[in-house]
Amino acid sequence: MNHEDASRILAECRRRIDGIDSDLRRLLNERATVVEEVLRMKDVLSLPIQEPKREDEVFRNVTAGNTGPLTDEAMKRIFERVMEEMRGMERAMRESKQAGKQA
């Protein structure tokens, strides 16, 4: 493979990554929208934001069908971060709702 071919393939890979990143952004925002509904139900049921058993279930779900190249541990770390961000969003929503009640 020559330099020109490698440059062309690299550019194509980067375009594909950009498209995948766009899909990931859309899916993460879709997940966040569902988390907003989850929080409303948690508020009705007086449940805490963080539920370790549910988080363990998420980890099992995302690693169960994992065929790589990301390892199960890498997948778990990625979803730990996703869930951490979602919990932060839930906390902010709950705090905002409580501040609105106090005003």
C-alpha atoms as a PDB file:
ATOM      1  CA  MET A   1       0.000   0.000   0.000  1.00  0.00           C
ATOM      2  CA  ASN A   2       1.325   3.396  -0.897  1.00  0.00           C
ATOM      3  CA  HIS A   3       1.064   6.710   0.945  1.00  0.00           C
ATOM      4  CA  GLU A   4      -1.809   7.967  -1.218  1.00  0.00           C
ATOM      5  CA  ASP A   5      -3.903   4.834  -0.629  1.00  0.00           C
ATOM      6  CA  ALA A   6      -3.253   4.971   3.106  1.00  0.00           C
ATOM      7  CA  SER A   7      -4.268   8.649   3.222  1.00  0.00           C
ATOM      8  CA  ARG A   8      -7.484   7.921   1.309  1.00  0.00           C
ATOM      9  CA  ILE A   9      -8.383   4.991   3.594  1.00  0.00           C
ATOM     10  CA  LEU A  10      -7.605   7.076   6.688  1.00  0.00           C
ATOM     11  CA  ALA A  11      -9.890   9.859   5.456  1.00  0.00           C
ATOM     12  CA  GLU A  12     -12.693   7.344   4.801  1.00  0.00           C
ATOM     13  CA  CYS A  13     -12.264   5.809   8.271  1.00  0.00           C
ATOM     14  CA  ARG A  14     -12.500   9.260   9.818  1.00  0.00           C
ATOM     15  CA  ARG A  15     -15.702  10.005   7.870  1.00  0.00           C
ATOM     16  CA  ARG A  16     -17.160   6.729   9.138  1.00  0.00           C
ATOM     17  CA  ILE A  17     -16.149   7.576  12.719  1.00  0.00           C
ATOM     18  CA  ASP A  18     -17.804  10.998  12.385  1.00  0.00           C
ATOM     19  CA  GLY A  19     -21.034   9.301  11.298  1.00  0.00           C
ATOM     20  CA  ILE A  20     -20.855   6.814  14.152  1.00  0.00           C
ATOM     21  CA  ASP A  21     -20.192   9.657  16.594  1.00  0.00           C
ATOM     22  CA  SER A  22     -23.295  11.416  15.288  1.00  0.00           C
ATOM     23  CA  ASP A  23     -25.314   8.231  15.855  1.00  0.00           C
ATOM     24  CA  LEU A  24     -23.876   7.884  19.366  1.00  0.00           C
ATOM     25  CA  ARG A  25     -24.802  11.488  20.174  1.00  0.00           C
ATOM     26  CA  ARG A  26     -28.372  10.896  19.008  1.00  0.00           C
ATOM     27  CA  LEU A  27     -28.636   7.642  20.966  1.00  0.00           C
ATOM     28  CA  LEU A  28     -27.177   9.160  24.144  1.00  0.00           C
ATOM     29  CA  ASN A  29     -29.694  11.995  23.960  1.00  0.00           C
ATOM     30  CA  GLU A  30     -32.461   9.466  23.362  1.00  0.00           C
ATOM     31  CA  ARG A  31     -31.257   7.553  26.435  1.00  0.00           C
ATOM     32  CA  ALA A  32     -31.286  10.809  28.423  1.00  0.00           C
ATOM     33  CA  THR A  33     -34.887  11.459  27.369  1.00  0.00           C
ATOM     34  CA  VAL A  34     -35.878   8.036  28.698  1.00  0.00           C
ATOM     35  CA  VAL A  35     -33.925   8.742  31.910  1.00  0.00           C
ATOM     36  CA  GLU A  36     -36.046  11.884  32.383  1.00  0.00           C
ATOM     37  CA  GLU A  37     -39.142   9.663  32.359  1.00  0.00           C
ATOM     38  CA  VAL A  38     -37.434   7.190  34.704  1.00  0.00           C
ATOM     39  CA  LEU A  39     -36.797  10.020  37.163  1.00  0.00           C
ATOM     40  CA  ARG A  40     -40.443  11.078  37.070  1.00  0.00           C
ATOM     41  CA  MET A  41     -41.433   7.510  37.970  1.00  0.00           C
ATOM     42  CA  LYS A  42     -38.759   7.305  40.677  1.00  0.00           C
ATOM     43  CA  ASP A  43     -40.184  10.503  42.184  1.00  0.00           C
ATOM     44  CA  VAL A  44     -43.700   9.040  42.208  1.00  0.00           C
ATOM     45  CA  LEU A  45     -42.374   5.834  43.785  1.00  0.00           C
ATOM     46  CA  SER A  46     -40.013   7.690  46.170  1.00  0.00           C
ATOM     47  CA  LEU A  47     -37.001   5.783  44.852  1.00  0.00           C
ATOM     48  CA  PRO A  48     -33.390   6.954  45.057  1.00  0.00           C
ATOM     49  CA  ILE A  49     -31.550   8.100  41.957  1.00  0.00           C
ATOM     50  CA  GLN A  50     -28.830   5.481  42.236  1.00  0.00           C
ATOM     51  CA  GLU A  51     -29.904   1.849  42.243  1.00  0.00           C
ATOM     52  CA  PRO A  52     -26.854  -0.460  42.353  1.00  0.00           C
ATOM     53  CA  LYS A  53     -28.843  -3.575  41.423  1.00  0.00           C
ATOM     54  CA  ARG A  54     -30.138  -1.872  38.285  1.00  0.00           C
ATOM     55  CA  GLU A  55     -26.643  -0.694  37.395  1.00  0.00           C
ATOM     56  CA  ASP A  56     -25.343  -4.246  37.736  1.00  0.00           C
ATOM     57  CA  GLU A  57     -28.127  -5.349  35.402  1.00  0.00           C
ATOM     58  CA  VAL A  58     -27.045  -2.736  32.832  1.00  0.00           C
ATOM     59  CA  PHE A  59     -23.463  -4.023  33.022  1.00  0.00           C
ATOM     60  CA  ARG A  60     -24.659  -7.581  32.488  1.00  0.00           C
ATOM     61  CA  ASN A  61     -26.772  -6.474  29.523  1.00  0.00           C
ATOM     62  CA  VAL A  62     -23.974  -4.597  27.760  1.00  0.00           C
ATOM     63  CA  THR A  63     -21.388  -7.311  28.273  1.00  0.00           C
ATOM     64  CA  ALA A  64     -23.632 -10.322  27.574  1.00  0.00           C
ATOM     65  CA  GLY A  65     -23.539  -9.983  23.800  1.00  0.00           C
ATOM     66  CA  ASN A  66     -20.188  -8.268  23.562  1.00  0.00           C
ATOM     67  CA  THR A  67     -17.968  -9.820  20.899  1.00  0.00           C
ATOM     68  CA  GLY A  68     -15.275  -7.139  20.902  1.00  0.00           C
ATOM     69  CA  PRO A  69     -12.918  -5.753  19.994  1.00  0.00           C
ATOM     70  CA  LEU A  70     -13.731  -3.787  23.165  1.00  0.00           C
ATOM     71  CA  THR A  71     -13.325  -5.983  26.227  1.00  0.00           C
ATOM     72  CA  ASP A  72     -16.136  -6.463  28.717  1.00  0.00           C
ATOM     73  CA  GLU A  73     -14.173  -4.331  31.198  1.00  0.00           C
ATOM     74  CA  ALA A  74     -13.803  -1.530  28.659  1.00  0.00           C
ATOM     75  CA  MET A  75     -17.514  -1.707  27.894  1.00  0.00           C
ATOM     76  CA  LYS A  76     -18.275  -1.587  31.607  1.00  0.00           C
ATOM     77  CA  ARG A  77     -16.075   1.497  32.076  1.00  0.00           C
ATOM     78  CA  ILE A  78     -17.816   3.270  29.191  1.00  0.00           C
ATOM     79  CA  PHE A  79     -21.242   2.536  30.647  1.00  0.00           C
ATOM     80  CA  GLU A  80     -20.096   3.522  34.144  1.00  0.00           C
ATOM     81  CA  ARG A  81     -19.362   6.944  32.696  1.00  0.00           C
ATOM     82  CA  VAL A  82     -22.667   7.083  30.779  1.00  0.00           C
ATOM     83  CA  MET A  83     -24.617   6.194  33.925  1.00  0.00           C
ATOM     84  CA  GLU A  84     -22.602   8.675  35.992  1.00  0.00           C
ATOM     85  CA  GLU A  85     -23.619  11.449  33.586  1.00  0.00           C
ATOM     86  CA  MET A  86     -27.244  10.309  33.622  1.00  0.00           C
ATOM     87  CA  ARG A  87     -27.281  10.298  37.451  1.00  0.00           C
ATOM     88  CA  GLY A  88     -25.874  13.832  37.387  1.00  0.00           C
ATOM     89  CA  MET A  89     -28.672  14.857  35.062  1.00  0.00           C
ATOM     90  CA  GLU A  90     -31.233  13.211  37.357  1.00  0.00           C
ATOM     91  CA  ARG A  91     -29.791  14.993  40.413  1.00  0.00           C
ATOM     92  CA  ALA A  92     -29.905  18.348  38.643  1.00  0.00           C
ATOM     93  CA  MET A  93     -33.503  17.751  37.583  1.00  0.00           C
ATOM     94  CA  ARG A  94     -34.521  16.703  41.079  1.00  0.00           C
ATOM     95  CA  GLU A  95     -32.765  19.715  42.644  1.00  0.00           C
ATOM     96  CA  SER A  96     -34.412  22.048  40.137  1.00  0.00           C
ATOM     97  CA  LYS A  97     -37.820  20.561  40.882  1.00  0.00           C
ATOM     98  CA  GLN A  98     -37.258  20.892  44.646  1.00  0.00           C
ATOM     99  CA  ALA A  99     -36.043  24.475  44.286  1.00  0.00           C
ATOM    100  CA  GLY A 100     -39.189  25.262  42.304  1.00  0.00           C
ATOM    101  CA  LYS A 101     -41.358  23.891  45.131  1.00  0.00           C
ATOM    102  CA  GLN A 102     -39.526  26.024  47.704  1.00  0.00           C
ATOM    103  CA  ALA A 103     -39.878  29.254  45.720  1.00  0.00           C
END
